[in-house]
Amino acid sequence: GAEEPGMEAEAQQLPLGCGGGGGSPAAGRSPEGEERREPPQASVSNGGDAESGRELVELKVIWNKNKYDVKFCLDSTGAELKQKIHSLTGLPPAMQKVMFKGLLPEEKTLREIKVTNGAKIMVVGSTINDVLAVNTPKEAAQQEVKAEENKKEPLCRQKQHRKVLDKGKPDDVMPSVKGVQERLPTVPLSGMYNKSGGKVRLTFKLEQDQLWIGTKERTEKLPMGSIKNVVSEPIEGHEDYHMMAFQLGPTEASYYWVYWVPTQYVDAIKDTVLGKWQYF
């Protein structure tokens, strides 16, 4: 009876999880005792963590002409592989297309889709920075074009037009009404100059779908369909009148210029010549 408490005291000094019936303290430090210790819990791997103790597979991830050699857990899912790709490339999972014998399913493991050592994983997608880098130059280029257009000298200041405008208004120029849009009058538009400084009148023959450009020497009858565009700009210092060109060919040499067009008829002329007809 006296020996039993001593045996209990000796047993309490043994490490937890150790076995062995011997009463010697050395038994708790034996290899057998270490093997019986409870192993630490394996951490969850989202990137082929070799320390997890799980089976790894070697992959070649190819994205944007870059190749990455990756060791990844065979029992991880496609979604977890996307997270690994994100850490390598910066490409968000939502913007990734991962291909292995077709589109990689996110919910299945690499083992389930039979990924083997040396498998090539193709990735398609652009990072947010790549998208911004593409869009920003385009926006900058558009802004530069607008800035250049704003810097362009107004037409009425250009030498070729200045020599006509410097003559001043024709004596018989038609009255203008600024800030108003009117239908074309039933009579020809007259009291204007052409590029050579000669008098010109415009007659719109709607029933024949023609524009007649008349000068002292002759009258040119142009089908409306032959006029590719109409360009106009207010005359600086006389904004109630415009200078206007009818584009008859592919180059500027084919523009027929008319000066001192009353502003209230400008939109009606454009819509009539270009076939919109909203004023009639």
Protein backbone atom coordinates (compact mmCIF):
# COMPACT_ATOMS: atom_id res chain seq x y z
CA GLY A 1 0.00 0.00 0.00
CA ALA A 2 2.87 2.42 0.60
CA GLU A 3 4.33 1.96 -2.92
CA GLU A 4 1.13 2.92 -4.88
CA PRO A 5 1.22 6.76 -4.35
CA GLY A 6 4.87 6.84 -5.45
CA MET A 7 4.03 5.14 -8.71
CA GLU A 8 1.28 7.74 -9.46
CA ALA A 9 3.71 10.61 -8.83
CA GLU A 10 6.23 9.11 -11.22
CA ALA A 11 3.57 8.66 -13.94
CA GLN A 12 2.57 12.37 -13.80
CA GLN A 13 6.13 13.35 -14.78
CA LEU A 14 5.90 11.57 -18.21
CA PRO A 15 5.31 13.81 -21.30
CA LEU A 16 1.71 13.94 -22.63
CA GLY A 17 1.00 11.56 -25.49
CA CYS A 18 3.85 9.28 -24.62
CA GLY A 19 3.25 5.56 -24.09
CA GLY A 20 5.29 2.78 -22.48
CA GLY A 21 4.61 0.87 -19.26
CA GLY A 22 8.10 1.27 -17.79
CA GLY A 23 8.57 3.56 -14.84
CA SER A 24 11.79 5.09 -16.13
CA PRO A 25 11.71 8.81 -17.11
CA ALA A 26 13.95 7.98 -20.08
CA ALA A 27 11.02 6.14 -21.63
CA GLY A 28 9.30 9.47 -22.29
CA ARG A 29 12.22 10.64 -24.46
CA SER A 30 12.45 7.46 -26.52
CA PRO A 31 11.96 7.56 -30.34
CA GLU A 32 8.84 5.52 -29.75
CA GLY A 33 7.44 8.35 -27.58
CA GLU A 34 8.25 10.99 -30.20
CA GLU A 35 6.41 9.07 -32.88
CA ARG A 36 3.33 9.00 -30.71
CA ARG A 37 3.23 12.80 -30.34
CA GLU A 38 0.26 14.38 -32.09
CA PRO A 39 1.47 15.86 -35.44
CA PRO A 40 0.82 19.57 -36.14
CA GLN A 41 -2.20 20.34 -38.36
CA ALA A 42 -1.31 20.87 -42.05
CA SER A 43 -1.96 24.39 -43.26
CA VAL A 44 -4.27 24.92 -46.24
CA SER A 45 -2.23 25.65 -49.36
CA ASN A 46 -3.38 27.96 -52.12
CA GLY A 47 -0.10 28.01 -53.95
CA GLY A 48 1.51 24.59 -53.85
CA ASP A 49 3.05 24.94 -50.40
CA ALA A 50 5.53 22.11 -50.09
CA GLU A 51 5.39 22.32 -46.30
CA SER A 52 1.75 21.25 -46.32
CA GLY A 53 2.86 17.68 -46.97
CA ARG A 54 0.36 17.24 -49.76
CA GLU A 55 1.21 15.90 -53.22
CA LEU A 56 2.55 18.58 -55.56
CA VAL A 57 2.57 18.78 -59.31
CA GLU A 58 4.95 20.84 -61.44
CA LEU A 59 3.21 23.20 -63.87
CA LYS A 60 4.30 25.60 -66.59
CA VAL A 61 2.03 28.66 -66.44
CA ILE A 62 2.20 30.71 -69.65
CA TRP A 63 0.76 34.24 -69.75
CA ASN A 64 1.53 37.19 -71.99
CA LYS A 65 4.71 35.59 -73.39
CA ASN A 66 5.95 34.97 -69.84
CA LYS A 67 6.53 31.47 -68.43
CA TYR A 68 6.33 30.56 -64.76
CA ASP A 69 7.45 27.22 -63.26
CA VAL A 70 5.04 26.48 -60.42
CA LYS A 71 4.73 23.66 -57.91
CA PHE A 72 1.11 23.36 -56.92
CA CYS A 73 -0.97 21.04 -54.78
CA LEU A 74 -2.67 18.38 -56.87
CA ASP A 75 -5.76 18.47 -54.64
CA SER A 76 -6.25 22.24 -54.96
CA THR A 77 -9.09 23.58 -57.09
CA GLY A 78 -9.04 25.65 -60.24
CA ALA A 79 -10.17 28.65 -58.19
CA GLU A 80 -7.14 28.26 -55.92
CA LEU A 81 -4.88 28.01 -58.94
CA LYS A 82 -6.30 31.31 -60.16
CA GLN A 83 -5.32 32.88 -56.84
CA LYS A 84 -1.78 31.56 -57.34
CA ILE A 85 -1.69 33.00 -60.87
CA HIS A 86 -2.84 36.31 -59.44
CA SER A 87 0.10 36.34 -57.03
CA LEU A 88 2.49 35.63 -59.92
CA THR A 89 1.13 37.96 -62.59
CA GLY A 90 -1.06 40.53 -60.87
CA LEU A 91 -3.93 39.41 -63.10
CA PRO A 92 -7.16 39.37 -61.03
CA PRO A 93 -8.95 35.99 -61.01
CA ALA A 94 -12.09 37.54 -62.49
CA MET A 95 -10.07 38.65 -65.53
CA GLN A 96 -8.34 35.29 -66.08
CA LYS A 97 -9.16 32.67 -68.68
CA VAL A 98 -7.19 29.58 -67.59
CA MET A 99 -6.90 26.84 -70.18
CA PHE A 100 -5.98 23.17 -69.73
CA LYS A 101 -7.64 20.90 -72.29
CA GLY A 102 -10.33 23.55 -72.51
CA LEU A 103 -11.45 26.09 -69.94
CA LEU A 104 -10.22 25.11 -66.47
CA PRO A 105 -13.20 24.41 -64.13
CA GLU A 106 -12.89 26.40 -60.91
CA GLU A 107 -14.71 23.90 -58.69
CA LYS A 108 -12.70 20.80 -59.64
CA THR A 109 -9.27 19.83 -58.34
CA LEU A 110 -6.23 19.43 -60.55
CA ARG A 111 -6.28 15.72 -59.74
CA GLU A 112 -9.87 15.41 -60.96
CA ILE A 113 -9.07 16.97 -64.32
CA LYS A 114 -5.96 14.77 -64.61
CA VAL A 115 -3.25 17.45 -64.50
CA THR A 116 0.18 15.79 -64.59
CA ASN A 117 3.77 16.89 -64.04
CA GLY A 118 5.00 19.30 -66.71
CA ALA A 119 1.47 20.26 -67.78
CA LYS A 120 1.16 23.61 -69.59
CA ILE A 121 -1.44 25.99 -68.20
CA MET A 122 -2.34 28.79 -70.63
CA VAL A 123 -3.64 32.05 -69.16
CA VAL A 124 -5.39 34.78 -71.15
CA GLY A 125 -6.29 38.20 -69.76
CA SER A 126 -5.14 41.77 -69.16
CA THR A 127 -4.39 43.46 -65.88
CA ILE A 128 -6.17 46.68 -64.92
CA ASN A 129 -2.91 48.55 -65.49
CA ASP A 130 -2.65 47.08 -69.01
CA VAL A 131 -6.20 48.21 -69.80
CA LEU A 132 -5.49 51.70 -68.50
CA ALA A 133 -2.21 51.82 -70.41
CA VAL A 134 -4.06 51.05 -73.65
CA ASN A 135 -6.91 53.49 -73.07
CA THR A 136 -4.85 56.38 -71.76
CA PRO A 137 -2.79 56.92 -74.94
CA LYS A 138 -5.97 56.84 -77.01
CA GLU A 139 -7.61 59.43 -74.81
CA ALA A 140 -4.44 61.51 -74.81
CA ALA A 141 -4.22 61.29 -78.60
CA GLN A 142 -7.83 62.41 -78.95
CA GLN A 143 -7.17 65.34 -76.66
CA GLU A 144 -4.08 66.27 -78.67
CA VAL A 145 -6.09 66.19 -81.90
CA LYS A 146 -8.72 68.46 -80.37
CA ALA A 147 -6.03 70.79 -79.09
CA GLU A 148 -4.47 70.94 -82.56
CA GLU A 149 -7.84 71.67 -84.09
CA ASN A 150 -8.35 74.49 -81.62
CA LYS A 151 -4.93 75.89 -82.53
CA LYS A 152 -5.71 75.87 -86.25
CA GLU A 153 -5.99 79.27 -87.78
CA PRO A 154 -9.60 80.17 -88.61
CA LEU A 155 -10.39 79.85 -92.31
CA CYS A 156 -11.21 83.53 -92.61
CA ARG A 157 -7.62 84.42 -91.56
CA GLN A 158 -5.97 82.25 -94.19
CA LYS A 159 -4.36 84.14 -97.02
CA GLN A 160 -6.37 82.51 -99.80
CA HIS A 161 -9.64 83.63 -98.21
CA ARG A 162 -8.37 86.91 -96.87
CA LYS A 163 -7.93 88.37 -100.36
CA VAL A 164 -11.65 87.90 -101.00
CA LEU A 165 -12.90 88.96 -97.56
CA ASP A 166 -10.76 92.09 -97.55
CA LYS A 167 -12.95 93.41 -100.34
CA GLY A 168 -15.68 93.78 -97.71
CA LYS A 169 -19.36 92.95 -98.10
CA PRO A 170 -20.82 92.99 -101.58
CA ASP A 171 -23.06 95.99 -102.20
CA ASP A 172 -26.06 93.75 -102.85
CA VAL A 173 -25.43 91.30 -99.97
CA MET A 174 -28.64 89.76 -98.61
CA PRO A 175 -29.74 90.81 -95.09
CA SER A 176 -28.72 88.44 -92.29
CA VAL A 177 -30.59 87.45 -89.14
CA LYS A 178 -28.23 86.21 -86.43
CA GLY A 179 -29.38 83.42 -84.09
CA VAL A 180 -32.26 82.33 -86.36
CA GLN A 181 -32.65 79.37 -88.71
CA GLU A 182 -34.86 79.92 -91.73
CA ARG A 183 -36.02 77.90 -94.69
CA LEU A 184 -34.41 78.56 -98.02
CA PRO A 185 -36.09 81.42 -99.81
CA THR A 186 -38.02 80.76 -103.02
CA VAL A 187 -35.64 83.10 -104.87
CA PRO A 188 -31.93 82.39 -105.49
CA LEU A 189 -29.43 83.33 -102.79
CA SER A 190 -27.41 86.19 -104.27
CA GLY A 191 -25.08 89.03 -103.28
CA MET A 192 -22.13 86.69 -102.54
CA TYR A 193 -18.57 86.27 -103.82
CA ASN A 194 -16.79 83.18 -105.08
CA LYS A 195 -13.09 82.39 -104.63
CA SER A 196 -12.01 84.62 -107.52
CA GLY A 197 -13.96 87.55 -106.08
CA GLY A 198 -16.70 87.38 -108.68
CA LYS A 199 -20.39 87.63 -107.89
CA VAL A 200 -22.19 84.31 -107.40
CA ARG A 201 -25.73 83.14 -106.74
CA LEU A 202 -27.08 79.80 -105.53
CA THR A 203 -30.32 78.33 -106.85
CA PHE A 204 -31.74 75.17 -105.28
CA LYS A 205 -33.74 73.19 -107.86
CA LEU A 206 -35.42 70.74 -105.51
CA GLU A 207 -37.64 69.18 -108.16
CA GLN A 208 -34.51 68.31 -110.16
CA ASP A 209 -32.37 67.54 -107.09
CA GLN A 210 -29.76 70.01 -108.34
CA LEU A 211 -27.79 73.00 -107.08
CA TRP A 212 -27.20 75.69 -109.68
CA ILE A 213 -24.13 77.85 -109.09
CA GLY A 214 -24.42 80.92 -111.28
CA THR A 215 -21.80 83.53 -112.16
CA LYS A 216 -21.70 86.27 -114.79
CA GLU A 217 -19.98 83.88 -117.18
CA ARG A 218 -21.93 80.63 -116.74
CA THR A 219 -24.20 78.48 -114.57
CA GLU A 220 -23.01 75.11 -113.29
CA LYS A 221 -25.75 72.56 -112.59
CA LEU A 222 -24.60 70.13 -109.90
CA PRO A 223 -26.55 67.02 -108.84
CA MET A 224 -27.02 67.11 -105.07
CA GLY A 225 -25.53 63.60 -104.87
CA SER A 226 -22.23 64.83 -106.35
CA ILE A 227 -21.64 67.15 -103.36
CA LYS A 228 -19.75 65.10 -100.78
CA ASN A 229 -19.82 67.60 -97.92
CA VAL A 230 -20.52 71.21 -96.97
CA VAL A 231 -18.06 73.20 -94.83
CA SER A 232 -18.89 76.54 -93.24
CA GLU A 233 -17.43 78.99 -90.73
CA PRO A 234 -18.57 82.39 -89.44
CA ILE A 235 -16.59 85.31 -90.80
CA GLU A 236 -14.57 86.85 -87.99
CA GLY A 237 -15.95 90.27 -87.08
CA HIS A 238 -19.08 89.56 -89.17
CA GLU A 239 -20.46 86.46 -87.43
CA ASP A 240 -23.89 86.99 -88.98
CA TYR A 241 -22.36 85.88 -92.31
CA HIS A 242 -20.52 82.67 -93.19
CA MET A 243 -18.00 81.49 -95.70
CA MET A 244 -19.04 78.14 -97.15
CA ALA A 245 -17.52 75.45 -99.37
CA PHE A 246 -19.18 72.67 -101.38
CA GLN A 247 -16.91 69.63 -101.63
CA LEU A 248 -17.07 68.31 -105.19
CA GLY A 249 -14.12 65.90 -105.03
CA PRO A 250 -11.62 64.21 -102.68
CA THR A 251 -9.15 67.13 -102.30
CA GLU A 252 -9.34 70.71 -101.11
CA ALA A 253 -8.74 71.87 -104.68
CA SER A 254 -12.23 70.57 -105.48
CA TYR A 255 -13.94 72.85 -102.89
CA TYR A 256 -16.16 75.55 -104.36
CA TRP A 257 -16.02 78.52 -101.95
CA VAL A 258 -18.79 81.06 -101.44
CA TYR A 259 -18.46 84.09 -99.16
CA TRP A 260 -21.00 86.23 -97.28
CA VAL A 261 -23.73 83.60 -96.91
CA PRO A 262 -26.43 84.92 -94.50
CA THR A 263 -26.23 82.88 -91.30
CA GLN A 264 -29.95 82.11 -91.09
CA TYR A 265 -29.72 79.97 -94.27
CA VAL A 266 -26.54 77.99 -93.43
CA ASP A 267 -28.24 74.99 -91.79
CA ALA A 268 -30.95 74.86 -94.44
CA ILE A 269 -28.32 74.81 -97.20
CA LYS A 270 -26.42 71.96 -95.53
CA ASP A 271 -29.53 69.88 -94.90
CA THR A 272 -30.83 70.43 -98.42
CA VAL A 273 -27.57 69.59 -100.18
CA LEU A 274 -26.85 66.56 -97.96
CA GLY A 275 -30.39 65.23 -98.35
CA LYS A 276 -31.81 65.71 -94.87
CA TRP A 277 -34.70 67.90 -95.92
CA GLN A 278 -35.78 68.79 -92.40
CA TYR A 279 -36.62 72.34 -93.42
CA PHE A 280 -39.15 71.36 -96.09
